[in-house]
């Protein structure tokens, strides 16, 4: 009986994972910068992810140094109504899509040129 419950809970947890509708979430994100940091505020009622790059304080990679020749170098998931923070020492660029991201791209977006992104349905 405990095994059945554990399997059901595992399935519910997997199916509850945010699906990516392939839509931009740029209208959801408010980027507030100052004092060497940027705070990304998710003003939408659903989870989004932000991909970003720039003169980050704790990273050597810069815009254009992403994996497989990509432009963006970092990412983070931000829950509905929540914030994410990065530490910067200068310029930064970002893009946001609805849904969530794991390590690496994983088919969640496609870079269509320098600093240009298409969110993918997943």
PDB file of N, CA and C in Angstrom:
ATOM      1  N   UNK A   1       0.822  -1.199   0.000  1.00  0.00           N
ATOM      2  CA  UNK A   1       0.000   0.000   0.000  1.00  0.00           C
ATOM      3  C   UNK A   1       0.871   1.270   0.000  1.00  0.00           C
ATOM      4  N   UNK A   2       1.926   1.264   0.835  1.00  0.00           N
ATOM      5  CA  UNK A   2       2.817   2.434   0.893  1.00  0.00           C
ATOM      6  C   UNK A   2       3.507   2.655  -0.448  1.00  0.00           C
ATOM      7  N   UNK A   3       3.839   1.563  -1.130  1.00  0.00           N
ATOM      8  CA  UNK A   3       4.488   1.671  -2.434  1.00  0.00           C
ATOM      9  C   UNK A   3       3.562   2.326  -3.443  1.00  0.00           C
ATOM     10  N   UNK A   4       2.306   1.949  -3.430  1.00  0.00           N
ATOM     11  CA  UNK A   4       1.320   2.523  -4.355  1.00  0.00           C
ATOM     12  C   UNK A   4       1.163   4.014  -4.095  1.00  0.00           C
ATOM     13  N   UNK A   5       1.090   4.401  -2.847  1.00  0.00           N
ATOM     14  CA  UNK A   5       0.955   5.816  -2.498  1.00  0.00           C
ATOM     15  C   UNK A   5       2.185   6.593  -2.952  1.00  0.00           C
ATOM     16  N   UNK A   6       3.377   6.010  -2.753  1.00  0.00           N
ATOM     17  CA  UNK A   6       4.604   6.685  -3.167  1.00  0.00           C
ATOM     18  C   UNK A   6       4.645   6.870  -4.679  1.00  0.00           C
ATOM     19  N   UNK A   7       4.218   5.866  -5.439  1.00  0.00           N
ATOM     20  CA  UNK A   7       4.196   5.960  -6.892  1.00  0.00           C
ATOM     21  C   UNK A   7       3.203   7.021  -7.347  1.00  0.00           C
ATOM     22  N   UNK A   8       2.026   7.070  -6.721  1.00  0.00           N
ATOM     23  CA  UNK A   8       1.013   8.076  -7.067  1.00  0.00           C
ATOM     24  C   UNK A   8       1.537   9.476  -6.763  1.00  0.00           C
ATOM     25  N   UNK A   9       2.165   9.654  -5.607  1.00  0.00           N
ATOM     26  CA  UNK A   9       2.712  10.964  -5.254  1.00  0.00           C
ATOM     27  C   UNK A   9       3.823  11.381  -6.214  1.00  0.00           C
ATOM     28  N   UNK A  10       4.651  10.427  -6.629  1.00  0.00           N
ATOM     29  CA  UNK A  10       5.697  10.727  -7.592  1.00  0.00           C
ATOM     30  C   UNK A  10       5.089  11.179  -8.912  1.00  0.00           C
ATOM     31  N   UNK A  11       4.060  10.487  -9.387  1.00  0.00           N
ATOM     32  CA  UNK A  11       3.403  10.848 -10.638  1.00  0.00           C
ATOM     33  C   UNK A  11       2.759  12.229 -10.544  1.00  0.00           C
ATOM     34  N   UNK A  12       2.098  12.513  -9.438  1.00  0.00           N
ATOM     35  CA  UNK A  12       1.462  13.824  -9.249  1.00  0.00           C
ATOM     36  C   UNK A  12       2.520  14.916  -9.241  1.00  0.00           C
ATOM     37  N   UNK A  13       3.658  14.671  -8.590  1.00  0.00           N
ATOM     38  CA  UNK A  13       4.736  15.664  -8.555  1.00  0.00           C
ATOM     39  C   UNK A  13       5.307  15.935  -9.928  1.00  0.00           C
ATOM     40  N   UNK A  14       5.448  14.884 -10.747  1.00  0.00           N
ATOM     41  CA  UNK A  14       5.967  15.070 -12.097  1.00  0.00           C
ATOM     42  C   UNK A  14       4.967  15.812 -12.962  1.00  0.00           C
ATOM     43  N   UNK A  15       3.693  15.450 -12.889  1.00  0.00           N
ATOM     44  CA  UNK A  15       2.697  16.110 -13.729  1.00  0.00           C
ATOM     45  C   UNK A  15       2.412  17.533 -13.278  1.00  0.00           C
ATOM     46  N   UNK A  16       2.765  17.871 -12.037  1.00  0.00           N
ATOM     47  CA  UNK A  16       2.552  19.235 -11.547  1.00  0.00           C
ATOM     48  C   UNK A  16       3.666  20.173 -12.009  1.00  0.00           C
ATOM     49  N   UNK A  17       4.742  19.616 -12.577  1.00  0.00           N
ATOM     50  CA  UNK A  17       5.848  20.427 -13.089  1.00  0.00           C
ATOM     51  C   UNK A  17       5.303  21.420 -14.111  1.00  0.00           C
ATOM     52  N   UNK A  18       5.746  22.649 -14.005  1.00  0.00           N
ATOM     53  CA  UNK A  18       5.239  23.696 -14.899  1.00  0.00           C
ATOM     54  C   UNK A  18       5.539  23.349 -16.352  1.00  0.00           C
ATOM     55  N   UNK A  19       4.530  23.369 -17.189  1.00  0.00           N
ATOM     56  CA  UNK A  19       4.730  23.133 -18.611  1.00  0.00           C
ATOM     57  C   UNK A  19       5.076  24.460 -19.269  1.00  0.00           C
ATOM     58  N   UNK A  20       5.854  24.372 -20.321  1.00  0.00           N
ATOM     59  CA  UNK A  20       6.258  25.575 -21.027  1.00  0.00           C
ATOM     60  C   UNK A  20       5.344  25.770 -22.227  1.00  0.00           C
ATOM     61  N   UNK A  21       4.553  26.834 -22.223  1.00  0.00           N
ATOM     62  CA  UNK A  21       3.618  27.065 -23.326  1.00  0.00           C
ATOM     63  C   UNK A  21       4.259  27.667 -24.574  1.00  0.00           C
ATOM     64  N   UNK A  22       5.556  27.969 -24.513  1.00  0.00           N
ATOM     65  CA  UNK A  22       6.213  28.573 -25.672  1.00  0.00           C
ATOM     66  C   UNK A  22       5.900  30.048 -25.818  1.00  0.00           C
ATOM     67  N   UNK A  23       5.716  30.728 -24.694  1.00  0.00           N
ATOM     68  CA  UNK A  23       5.351  32.146 -24.715  1.00  0.00           C
ATOM     69  C   UNK A  23       6.372  32.990 -23.967  1.00  0.00           C
ATOM     70  N   UNK A  24       6.635  34.153 -24.493  1.00  0.00           N
ATOM     71  CA  UNK A  24       7.498  35.113 -23.821  1.00  0.00           C
ATOM     72  C   UNK A  24       6.850  35.545 -22.508  1.00  0.00           C
ATOM     73  N   UNK A  25       7.697  35.822 -21.529  1.00  0.00           N
ATOM     74  CA  UNK A  25       7.224  36.351 -20.253  1.00  0.00           C
ATOM     75  C   UNK A  25       7.887  37.702 -19.964  1.00  0.00           C
ATOM     76  N   UNK A  26       8.354  38.362 -21.011  1.00  0.00           N
ATOM     77  CA  UNK A  26       9.013  39.651 -20.816  1.00  0.00           C
ATOM     78  C   UNK A  26       8.076  40.669 -20.162  1.00  0.00           C
ATOM     79  N   UNK A  27       6.790  40.575 -20.461  1.00  0.00           N
ATOM     80  CA  UNK A  27       5.823  41.495 -19.848  1.00  0.00           C
ATOM     81  C   UNK A  27       5.624  41.198 -18.358  1.00  0.00           C
ATOM     82  N   UNK A  28       6.055  40.032 -17.909  1.00  0.00           N
ATOM     83  CA  UNK A  28       5.905  39.630 -16.505  1.00  0.00           C
ATOM     84  C   UNK A  28       7.031  40.154 -15.624  1.00  0.00           C
ATOM     85  N   UNK A  29       8.193  40.360 -16.214  1.00  0.00           N
ATOM     86  CA  UNK A  29       9.393  40.651 -15.433  1.00  0.00           C
ATOM     87  C   UNK A  29       9.661  42.147 -15.334  1.00  0.00           C
ATOM     88  N   UNK A  30       9.843  42.577 -14.113  1.00  0.00           N
ATOM     89  CA  UNK A  30      10.295  43.941 -13.824  1.00  0.00           C
ATOM     90  C   UNK A  30      11.720  43.804 -13.294  1.00  0.00           C
ATOM     91  N   UNK A  31      12.680  44.422 -13.967  1.00  0.00           N
ATOM     92  CA  UNK A  31      14.082  44.352 -13.559  1.00  0.00           C
ATOM     93  C   UNK A  31      14.453  45.641 -12.841  1.00  0.00           C
ATOM     94  N   UNK A  32      14.793  45.507 -11.558  1.00  0.00           N
ATOM     95  CA  UNK A  32      15.203  46.656 -10.748  1.00  0.00           C
ATOM     96  C   UNK A  32      16.696  46.545 -10.490  1.00  0.00           C
ATOM     97  N   UNK A  33      17.463  47.565 -10.905  1.00  0.00           N
ATOM     98  CA  UNK A  33      18.906  47.490 -10.706  1.00  0.00           C
ATOM     99  C   UNK A  33      19.408  48.627  -9.831  1.00  0.00           C
ATOM    100  N   UNK A  34      20.444  48.318  -9.080  1.00  0.00           N
ATOM    101  CA  UNK A  34      21.085  49.289  -8.204  1.00  0.00           C
ATOM    102  C   UNK A  34      21.958  48.584  -7.191  1.00  0.00           C
ATOM    103  N   UNK A  35      22.959  49.269  -6.685  1.00  0.00           N
ATOM    104  CA  UNK A  35      23.858  48.739  -5.660  1.00  0.00           C
ATOM    105  C   UNK A  35      24.510  47.422  -6.076  1.00  0.00           C
ATOM    106  N   UNK A  36      24.859  47.277  -7.352  1.00  0.00           N
ATOM    107  CA  UNK A  36      25.552  46.092  -7.813  1.00  0.00           C
ATOM    108  C   UNK A  36      24.709  44.845  -7.935  1.00  0.00           C
ATOM    109  N   UNK A  37      23.407  45.014  -8.000  1.00  0.00           N
ATOM    110  CA  UNK A  37      22.544  43.849  -8.174  1.00  0.00           C
ATOM    111  C   UNK A  37      21.338  44.188  -9.038  1.00  0.00           C
ATOM    112  N   UNK A  38      20.754  43.148  -9.587  1.00  0.00           N
ATOM    113  CA  UNK A  38      19.510  43.273 -10.332  1.00  0.00           C
ATOM    114  C   UNK A  38      18.514  42.326  -9.678  1.00  0.00           C
ATOM    115  N   UNK A  39      17.333  42.836  -9.402  1.00  0.00           N
ATOM    116  CA  UNK A  39      16.262  42.001  -8.867  1.00  0.00           C
ATOM    117  C   UNK A  39      15.213  41.868  -9.953  1.00  0.00           C
ATOM    118  N   UNK A  40      14.957  40.612 -10.366  1.00  0.00           N
ATOM    119  CA  UNK A  40      13.909  40.303 -11.330  1.00  0.00           C
ATOM    120  C   UNK A  40      12.644  39.975 -10.556  1.00  0.00           C
ATOM    121  N   UNK A  41      11.595  40.762 -10.745  1.00  0.00           N
ATOM    122  CA  UNK A  41      10.325  40.540 -10.065  1.00  0.00           C
ATOM    123  C   UNK A  41       9.336  39.945 -11.058  1.00  0.00           C
ATOM    124  N   UNK A  42       8.763  38.799 -10.711  1.00  0.00           N
ATOM    125  CA  UNK A  42       7.767  38.149 -11.556  1.00  0.00           C
ATOM    126  C   UNK A  42       6.390  38.681 -11.168  1.00  0.00           C
ATOM    127  N   UNK A  43       5.823  39.527 -12.004  1.00  0.00           N
ATOM    128  CA  UNK A  43       4.522  40.141 -11.725  1.00  0.00           C
ATOM    129  C   UNK A  43       3.353  39.362 -12.335  1.00  0.00           C
ATOM    130  N   UNK A  44       3.604  38.159 -12.814  1.00  0.00           N
ATOM    131  CA  UNK A  44       2.526  37.341 -13.387  1.00  0.00           C
ATOM    132  C   UNK A  44       2.107  36.258 -12.403  1.00  0.00           C
ATOM    133  N   UNK A  45       0.992  35.646 -12.675  1.00  0.00           N
ATOM    134  CA  UNK A  45       0.435  34.620 -11.804  1.00  0.00           C
ATOM    135  C   UNK A  45       0.911  33.224 -12.141  1.00  0.00           C
ATOM    136  N   UNK A  46       2.058  33.101 -12.789  1.00  0.00           N
ATOM    137  CA  UNK A  46       2.594  31.782 -13.120  1.00  0.00           C
ATOM    138  C   UNK A  46       4.114  31.810 -13.108  1.00  0.00           C
ATOM    139  N   UNK A  47       4.707  30.621 -13.008  1.00  0.00           N
ATOM    140  CA  UNK A  47       6.153  30.493 -12.969  1.00  0.00           C
ATOM    141  C   UNK A  47       6.758  30.890 -14.315  1.00  0.00           C
ATOM    142  N   UNK A  48       7.894  31.573 -14.248  1.00  0.00           N
ATOM    143  CA  UNK A  48       8.637  31.951 -15.450  1.00  0.00           C
ATOM    144  C   UNK A  48      10.100  31.607 -15.225  1.00  0.00           C
ATOM    145  N   UNK A  49      10.867  31.607 -16.310  1.00  0.00           N
ATOM    146  CA  UNK A  49      12.313  31.501 -16.152  1.00  0.00           C
ATOM    147  C   UNK A  49      12.966  32.671 -16.878  1.00  0.00           C
ATOM    148  N   UNK A  50      14.093  33.084 -16.333  1.00  0.00           N
ATOM    149  CA  UNK A  50      14.869  34.192 -16.888  1.00  0.00           C
ATOM    150  C   UNK A  50      16.216  33.634 -17.319  1.00  0.00           C
ATOM    151  N   UNK A  51      16.622  33.952 -18.539  1.00  0.00           N
ATOM    152  CA  UNK A  51      17.979  33.655 -18.984  1.00  0.00           C
ATOM    153  C   UNK A  51      18.702  34.995 -19.067  1.00  0.00           C
ATOM    154  N   UNK A  52      19.963  35.017 -18.679  1.00  0.00           N
ATOM    155  CA  UNK A  52      20.660  36.292 -18.609  1.00  0.00           C
ATOM    156  C   UNK A  52      22.161  36.118 -18.799  1.00  0.00           C
ATOM    157  N   UNK A  53      22.816  37.247 -19.008  1.00  0.00           N
ATOM    158  CA  UNK A  53      24.265  37.283 -19.144  1.00  0.00           C
ATOM    159  C   UNK A  53      24.719  38.711 -18.865  1.00  0.00           C
ATOM    160  N   UNK A  54      26.030  38.893 -18.793  1.00  0.00           N
ATOM    161  CA  UNK A  54      26.563  40.240 -18.607  1.00  0.00           C
ATOM    162  C   UNK A  54      27.808  40.234 -17.757  1.00  0.00           C
ATOM    163  N   UNK A  55      28.055  41.367 -17.153  1.00  0.00           N
ATOM    164  CA  UNK A  55      29.224  41.534 -16.296  1.00  0.00           C
ATOM    165  C   UNK A  55      28.850  41.071 -14.890  1.00  0.00           C
ATOM    166  N   UNK A  56      28.698  39.758 -14.735  1.00  0.00           N
ATOM    167  CA  UNK A  56      28.259  39.188 -13.467  1.00  0.00           C
ATOM    168  C   UNK A  56      29.418  39.127 -12.485  1.00  0.00           C
ATOM    169  N   UNK A  57      29.144  39.444 -11.246  1.00  0.00           N
ATOM    170  CA  UNK A  57      30.181  39.539 -10.231  1.00  0.00           C
ATOM    171  C   UNK A  57      30.865  38.205  -9.957  1.00  0.00           C
ATOM    172  N   UNK A  58      30.116  37.112  -9.948  1.00  0.00           N
ATOM    173  CA  UNK A  58      30.676  35.826  -9.548  1.00  0.00           C
ATOM    174  C   UNK A  58      30.829  34.845 -10.706  1.00  0.00           C
ATOM    175  N   UNK A  59      30.942  35.335 -11.927  1.00  0.00           N
ATOM    176  CA  UNK A  59      31.098  34.457 -13.094  1.00  0.00           C
ATOM    177  C   UNK A  59      32.053  35.097 -14.094  1.00  0.00           C
ATOM    178  N   UNK A  60      32.808  34.262 -14.773  1.00  0.00           N
ATOM    179  CA  UNK A  60      33.738  34.768 -15.779  1.00  0.00           C
ATOM    180  C   UNK A  60      33.103  34.840 -17.154  1.00  0.00           C
ATOM    181  N   UNK A  61      32.075  34.021 -17.401  1.00  0.00           N
ATOM    182  CA  UNK A  61      31.423  34.030 -18.707  1.00  0.00           C
ATOM    183  C   UNK A  61      30.648  35.322 -18.902  1.00  0.00           C
ATOM    184  N   UNK A  62      30.707  35.833 -20.120  1.00  0.00           N
ATOM    185  CA  UNK A  62      30.007  37.059 -20.486  1.00  0.00           C
ATOM    186  C   UNK A  62      29.020  36.759 -21.599  1.00  0.00           C
ATOM    187  N   UNK A  63      28.230  37.734 -21.991  1.00  0.00           N
ATOM    188  CA  UNK A  63      27.280  37.546 -23.088  1.00  0.00           C
ATOM    189  C   UNK A  63      28.027  37.045 -24.318  1.00  0.00           C
ATOM    190  N   UNK A  64      27.493  36.021 -24.931  1.00  0.00           N
ATOM    191  CA  UNK A  64      28.121  35.404 -26.076  1.00  0.00           C
ATOM    192  C   UNK A  64      28.955  34.186 -25.729  1.00  0.00           C
ATOM    193  N   UNK A  65      29.148  33.917 -24.428  1.00  0.00           N
ATOM    194  CA  UNK A  65      29.951  32.778 -23.974  1.00  0.00           C
ATOM    195  C   UNK A  65      29.085  31.580 -23.578  1.00  0.00           C
ATOM    196  N   UNK A  66      27.810  31.574 -23.956  1.00  0.00           N
ATOM    197  CA  UNK A  66      26.912  30.491 -23.573  1.00  0.00           C
ATOM    198  C   UNK A  66      27.289  29.166 -24.200  1.00  0.00           C
ATOM    199  N   UNK A  67      26.712  28.088 -23.699  1.00  0.00           N
ATOM    200  CA  UNK A  67      27.021  26.759 -24.215  1.00  0.00           C
ATOM    201  C   UNK A  67      26.592  26.636 -25.673  1.00  0.00           C
ATOM    202  N   UNK A  68      27.330  25.852 -26.411  1.00  0.00           N
ATOM    203  CA  UNK A  68      27.073  25.623 -27.842  1.00  0.00           C
ATOM    204  C   UNK A  68      27.008  26.922 -28.641  1.00  0.00           C
ATOM    205  N   UNK A  69      27.810  27.906 -28.264  1.00  0.00           N
ATOM    206  CA  UNK A  69      27.859  29.169 -28.988  1.00  0.00           C
ATOM    207  C   UNK A  69      26.713  30.109 -28.670  1.00  0.00           C
ATOM    208  N   UNK A  70      25.977  29.823 -27.603  1.00  0.00           N
ATOM    209  CA  UNK A  70      24.831  30.651 -27.233  1.00  0.00           C
ATOM    210  C   UNK A  70      25.223  32.001 -26.666  1.00  0.00           C
ATOM    211  N   UNK A  71      24.261  32.897 -26.643  1.00  0.00           N
ATOM    212  CA  UNK A  71      24.477  34.254 -26.149  1.00  0.00           C
ATOM    213  C   UNK A  71      24.341  34.321 -24.623  1.00  0.00           C
ATOM    214  N   UNK A  72      23.256  33.755 -24.091  1.00  0.00           N
ATOM    215  CA  UNK A  72      22.975  33.822 -22.652  1.00  0.00           C
ATOM    216  C   UNK A  72      23.742  32.740 -21.912  1.00  0.00           C
ATOM    217  N   UNK A  73      24.186  33.046 -20.691  1.00  0.00           N
ATOM    218  CA  UNK A  73      25.058  32.139 -19.947  1.00  0.00           C
ATOM    219  C   UNK A  73      24.438  31.569 -18.677  1.00  0.00           C
ATOM    220  N   UNK A  74      23.395  32.178 -18.144  1.00  0.00           N
ATOM    221  CA  UNK A  74      22.815  31.759 -16.872  1.00  0.00           C
ATOM    222  C   UNK A  74      21.289  31.760 -16.952  1.00  0.00           C
ATOM    223  N   UNK A  75      20.674  31.066 -15.992  1.00  0.00           N
ATOM    224  CA  UNK A  75      19.212  31.033 -15.943  1.00  0.00           C
ATOM    225  C   UNK A  75      18.738  30.827 -14.510  1.00  0.00           C
ATOM    226  N   UNK A  76      17.486  31.179 -14.278  1.00  0.00           N
ATOM    227  CA  UNK A  76      16.850  30.884 -13.001  1.00  0.00           C
ATOM    228  C   UNK A  76      15.345  30.881 -13.159  1.00  0.00           C
ATOM    229  N   UNK A  77      14.688  30.034 -12.359  1.00  0.00           N
ATOM    230  CA  UNK A  77      13.232  29.967 -12.311  1.00  0.00           C
ATOM    231  C   UNK A  77      12.744  30.944 -11.257  1.00  0.00           C
ATOM    232  N   UNK A  78      11.618  31.598 -11.539  1.00  0.00           N
ATOM    233  CA  UNK A  78      11.049  32.536 -10.578  1.00  0.00           C
ATOM    234  C   UNK A  78       9.556  32.235 -10.454  1.00  0.00           C
ATOM    235  N   UNK A  79       9.131  31.896  -9.267  1.00  0.00           N
ATOM    236  CA  UNK A  79       7.728  31.563  -9.009  1.00  0.00           C
ATOM    237  C   UNK A  79       6.847  32.799  -9.172  1.00  0.00           C
ATOM    238  N   UNK A  80       5.559  32.568  -9.318  1.00  0.00           N
ATOM    239  CA  UNK A  80       4.588  33.661  -9.435  1.00  0.00           C
ATOM    240  C   UNK A  80       4.708  34.591  -8.233  1.00  0.00           C
ATOM    241  N   UNK A  81       4.848  35.887  -8.491  1.00  0.00           N
ATOM    242  CA  UNK A  81       4.925  36.874  -7.425  1.00  0.00           C
ATOM    243  C   UNK A  81       6.248  36.919  -6.682  1.00  0.00           C
ATOM    244  N   UNK A  82       7.212  36.126  -7.089  1.00  0.00           N
ATOM    245  CA  UNK A  82       8.502  36.060  -6.385  1.00  0.00           C
ATOM    246  C   UNK A  82       9.563  36.887  -7.108  1.00  0.00           C
ATOM    247  N   UNK A  83      10.776  36.877  -6.556  1.00  0.00           N
ATOM    248  CA  UNK A  83      11.891  37.619  -7.128  1.00  0.00           C
ATOM    249  C   UNK A  83      13.110  36.719  -7.256  1.00  0.00           C
ATOM    250  N   UNK A  84      13.978  37.088  -8.173  1.00  0.00           N
ATOM    251  CA  UNK A  84      15.282  36.461  -8.316  1.00  0.00           C
ATOM    252  C   UNK A  84      16.315  37.567  -8.353  1.00  0.00           C
ATOM    253  N   UNK A  85      17.516  37.280  -7.861  1.00  0.00           N
ATOM    254  CA  UNK A  85      18.541  38.328  -7.761  1.00  0.00           C
ATOM    255  C   UNK A  85      19.834  37.859  -8.404  1.00  0.00           C
ATOM    256  N   UNK A  86      20.514  38.789  -9.089  1.00  0.00           N
ATOM    257  CA  UNK A  86      21.851  38.535  -9.606  1.00  0.00           C
ATOM    258  C   UNK A  86      22.754  39.694  -9.184  1.00  0.00           C
ATOM    259  N   UNK A  87      24.037  39.402  -9.069  1.00  0.00           N
ATOM    260  CA  UNK A  87      25.024  40.427  -8.714  1.00  0.00           C
ATOM    261  C   UNK A  87      25.792  40.802  -9.971  1.00  0.00           C
ATOM    262  N   UNK A  88      25.836  42.096 -10.249  1.00  0.00           N
ATOM    263  CA  UNK A  88      26.475  42.570 -11.479  1.00  0.00           C
ATOM    264  C   UNK A  88      27.535  43.624 -11.174  1.00  0.00           C
ATOM    265  N   UNK A  89      28.396  43.813 -12.169  1.00  0.00           N
ATOM    266  CA  UNK A  89      29.432  44.852 -12.071  1.00  0.00           C
ATOM    267  C   UNK A  89      29.390  45.762 -13.287  1.00  0.00           C
ATOM    268  N   UNK A  90      28.282  45.780 -13.978  1.00  0.00           N
ATOM    269  CA  UNK A  90      28.178  46.586 -15.188  1.00  0.00           C
ATOM    270  C   UNK A  90      26.902  46.241 -15.938  1.00  0.00           C
ATOM    271  N   UNK A  91      27.052  45.962 -17.220  1.00  0.00           N
ATOM    272  CA  UNK A  91      25.893  45.718 -18.080  1.00  0.00           C
ATOM    273  C   UNK A  91      25.373  44.286 -17.943  1.00  0.00           C
ATOM    274  N   UNK A  92      24.110  44.118 -18.307  1.00  0.00           N
ATOM    275  CA  UNK A  92      23.501  42.790 -18.337  1.00  0.00           C
ATOM    276  C   UNK A  92      22.390  42.790 -19.381  1.00  0.00           C
ATOM    277  N   UNK A  93      22.026  41.610 -19.850  1.00  0.00           N
ATOM    278  CA  UNK A  93      20.918  41.409 -20.789  1.00  0.00           C
ATOM    279  C   UNK A  93      20.109  40.229 -20.272  1.00  0.00           C
ATOM    280  N   UNK A  94      18.813  40.231 -20.540  1.00  0.00           N
ATOM    281  CA  UNK A  94      18.002  39.102 -20.107  1.00  0.00           C
ATOM    282  C   UNK A  94      16.816  38.899 -21.035  1.00  0.00           C
ATOM    283  N   UNK A  95      16.233  37.729 -20.920  1.00  0.00           N
ATOM    284  CA  UNK A  95      15.006  37.383 -21.626  1.00  0.00           C
ATOM    285  C   UNK A  95      14.250  36.427 -20.724  1.00  0.00           C
ATOM    286  N   UNK A  96      12.933  36.397 -20.860  1.00  0.00           N
ATOM    287  CA  UNK A  96      12.129  35.551 -19.994  1.00  0.00           C
ATOM    288  C   UNK A  96      11.046  34.824 -20.783  1.00  0.00           C
ATOM    289  N   UNK A  97      10.790  33.580 -20.381  1.00  0.00           N
ATOM    290  CA  UNK A  97       9.740  32.755 -20.979  1.00  0.00           C
ATOM    291  C   UNK A  97       8.850  32.195 -19.871  1.00  0.00           C
ATOM    292  N   UNK A  98       7.609  31.894 -20.203  1.00  0.00           N
ATOM    293  CA  UNK A  98       6.711  31.240 -19.253  1.00  0.00           C
ATOM    294  C   UNK A  98       7.131  29.783 -19.100  1.00  0.00           C
ATOM    295  N   UNK A  99       7.012  29.253 -17.888  1.00  0.00           N
ATOM    296  CA  UNK A  99       7.367  27.868 -17.603  1.00  0.00           C
ATOM    297  C   UNK A  99       8.604  27.791 -16.736  1.00  0.00           C
ATOM    298  N   UNK A 100       9.348  26.701 -16.875  1.00  0.00           N
ATOM    299  CA  UNK A 100      10.537  26.516 -16.051  1.00  0.00           C
ATOM    300  C   UNK A 100      11.670  25.936 -16.888  1.00  0.00           C
ATOM    301  N   UNK A 101      12.860  25.994 -16.327  1.00  0.00           N
ATOM    302  CA  UNK A 101      14.071  25.531 -17.001  1.00  0.00           C
ATOM    303  C   UNK A 101      14.882  24.723 -16.005  1.00  0.00           C
ATOM    304  N   UNK A 102      15.600  23.727 -16.517  1.00  0.00           N
ATOM    305  CA  UNK A 102      16.532  22.960 -15.700  1.00  0.00           C
ATOM    306  C   UNK A 102      17.943  23.425 -16.014  1.00  0.00           C
ATOM    307  N   UNK A 103      18.914  22.563 -15.732  1.00  0.00           N
ATOM    308  CA  UNK A 103      20.297  22.902 -16.075  1.00  0.00           C
ATOM    309  C   UNK A 103      20.446  22.862 -17.583  1.00  0.00           C
ATOM    310  N   UNK A 104      21.031  23.890 -18.156  1.00  0.00           N
ATOM    311  CA  UNK A 104      21.158  23.967 -19.607  1.00  0.00           C
ATOM    312  C   UNK A 104      19.831  24.346 -20.233  1.00  0.00           C
ATOM    313  N   UNK A 105      19.807  24.392 -21.526  1.00  0.00           N
ATOM    314  CA  UNK A 105      18.611  24.817 -22.247  1.00  0.00           C
ATOM    315  C   UNK A 105      17.521  23.749 -22.195  1.00  0.00           C
ATOM    316  N   UNK A 106      17.845  22.528 -22.540  1.00  0.00           N
ATOM    317  CA  UNK A 106      16.873  21.439 -22.479  1.00  0.00           C
ATOM    318  C   UNK A 106      15.687  21.609 -23.412  1.00  0.00           C
ATOM    319  N   UNK A 107      15.833  22.402 -24.466  1.00  0.00           N
ATOM    320  CA  UNK A 107      14.741  22.588 -25.414  1.00  0.00           C
ATOM    321  C   UNK A 107      13.670  23.562 -24.962  1.00  0.00           C
ATOM    322  N   UNK A 108      13.980  24.439 -24.011  1.00  0.00           N
ATOM    323  CA  UNK A 108      13.001  25.396 -23.506  1.00  0.00           C
ATOM    324  C   UNK A 108      12.977  26.699 -24.297  1.00  0.00           C
ATOM    325  N   UNK A 109      14.059  26.986 -25.015  1.00  0.00           N
ATOM    326  CA  UNK A 109      14.119  28.181 -25.858  1.00  0.00           C
ATOM    327  C   UNK A 109      15.124  27.959 -26.978  1.00  0.00           C
ATOM    328  N   UNK A 110      15.005  28.795 -28.007  1.00  0.00           N
ATOM    329  CA  UNK A 110      15.942  28.749 -29.117  1.00  0.00           C
ATOM    330  C   UNK A 110      16.465  30.161 -29.334  1.00  0.00           C
ATOM    331  N   UNK A 111      17.763  30.277 -29.396  1.00  0.00           N
ATOM    332  CA  UNK A 111      18.367  31.572 -29.689  1.00  0.00           C
ATOM    333  C   UNK A 111      18.332  31.749 -31.200  1.00  0.00           C
ATOM    334  N   UNK A 112      17.712  32.826 -31.644  1.00  0.00           N
ATOM    335  CA  UNK A 112      17.509  33.049 -33.076  1.00  0.00           C
ATOM    336  C   UNK A 112      18.443  34.116 -33.627  1.00  0.00           C
ATOM    337  N   UNK A 113      19.422  34.476 -32.848  1.00  0.00           N
ATOM    338  CA  UNK A 113      20.400  35.490 -33.233  1.00  0.00           C
ATOM    339  C   UNK A 113      20.974  36.089 -31.972  1.00  0.00           C
ATOM    340  N   UNK A 114      21.918  36.965 -32.116  1.00  0.00           N
ATOM    341  CA  UNK A 114      22.499  37.616 -30.947  1.00  0.00           C
ATOM    342  C   UNK A 114      21.411  38.335 -30.168  1.00  0.00           C
ATOM    343  N   UNK A 115      21.232  37.929 -28.922  1.00  0.00           N
ATOM    344  CA  UNK A 115      20.292  38.604 -28.024  1.00  0.00           C
ATOM    345  C   UNK A 115      18.830  38.416 -28.445  1.00  0.00           C
ATOM    346  N   UNK A 116      18.528  37.430 -29.283  1.00  0.00           N
ATOM    347  CA  UNK A 116      17.164  37.201 -29.747  1.00  0.00           C
ATOM    348  C   UNK A 116      16.748  35.773 -29.391  1.00  0.00           C
ATOM    349  N   UNK A 117      15.558  35.624 -28.784  1.00  0.00           N
ATOM    350  CA  UNK A 117      15.125  34.328 -28.262  1.00  0.00           C
ATOM    351  C   UNK A 117      13.704  34.012 -28.694  1.00  0.00           C
ATOM    352  N   UNK A 118      13.470  32.729 -28.943  1.00  0.00           N
ATOM    353  CA  UNK A 118      12.118  32.218 -29.184  1.00  0.00           C
ATOM    354  C   UNK A 118      11.838  31.190 -28.086  1.00  0.00           C
ATOM    355  N   UNK A 119      10.795  31.385 -27.306  1.00  0.00           N
ATOM    356  CA  UNK A 119      10.390  30.435 -26.269  1.00  0.00           C
ATOM    357  C   UNK A 119       9.741  29.236 -26.963  1.00  0.00           C
ATOM    358  N   UNK A 120      10.067  28.025 -26.503  1.00  0.00           N
ATOM    359  CA  UNK A 120       9.562  26.819 -27.138  1.00  0.00           C
ATOM    360  C   UNK A 120       8.553  26.100 -26.242  1.00  0.00           C
ATOM    361  N   UNK A 121       7.543  25.549 -26.863  1.00  0.00           N
ATOM    362  CA  UNK A 121       6.534  24.760 -26.140  1.00  0.00           C
ATOM    363  C   UNK A 121       7.160  23.430 -25.764  1.00  0.00           C
ATOM    364  N   UNK A 122       6.901  23.018 -24.549  1.00  0.00           N
ATOM    365  CA  UNK A 122       7.468  21.756 -24.051  1.00  0.00           C
ATOM    366  C   UNK A 122       6.530  21.082 -23.117  1.00  0.00           C
TER     367      UNK A 122
END
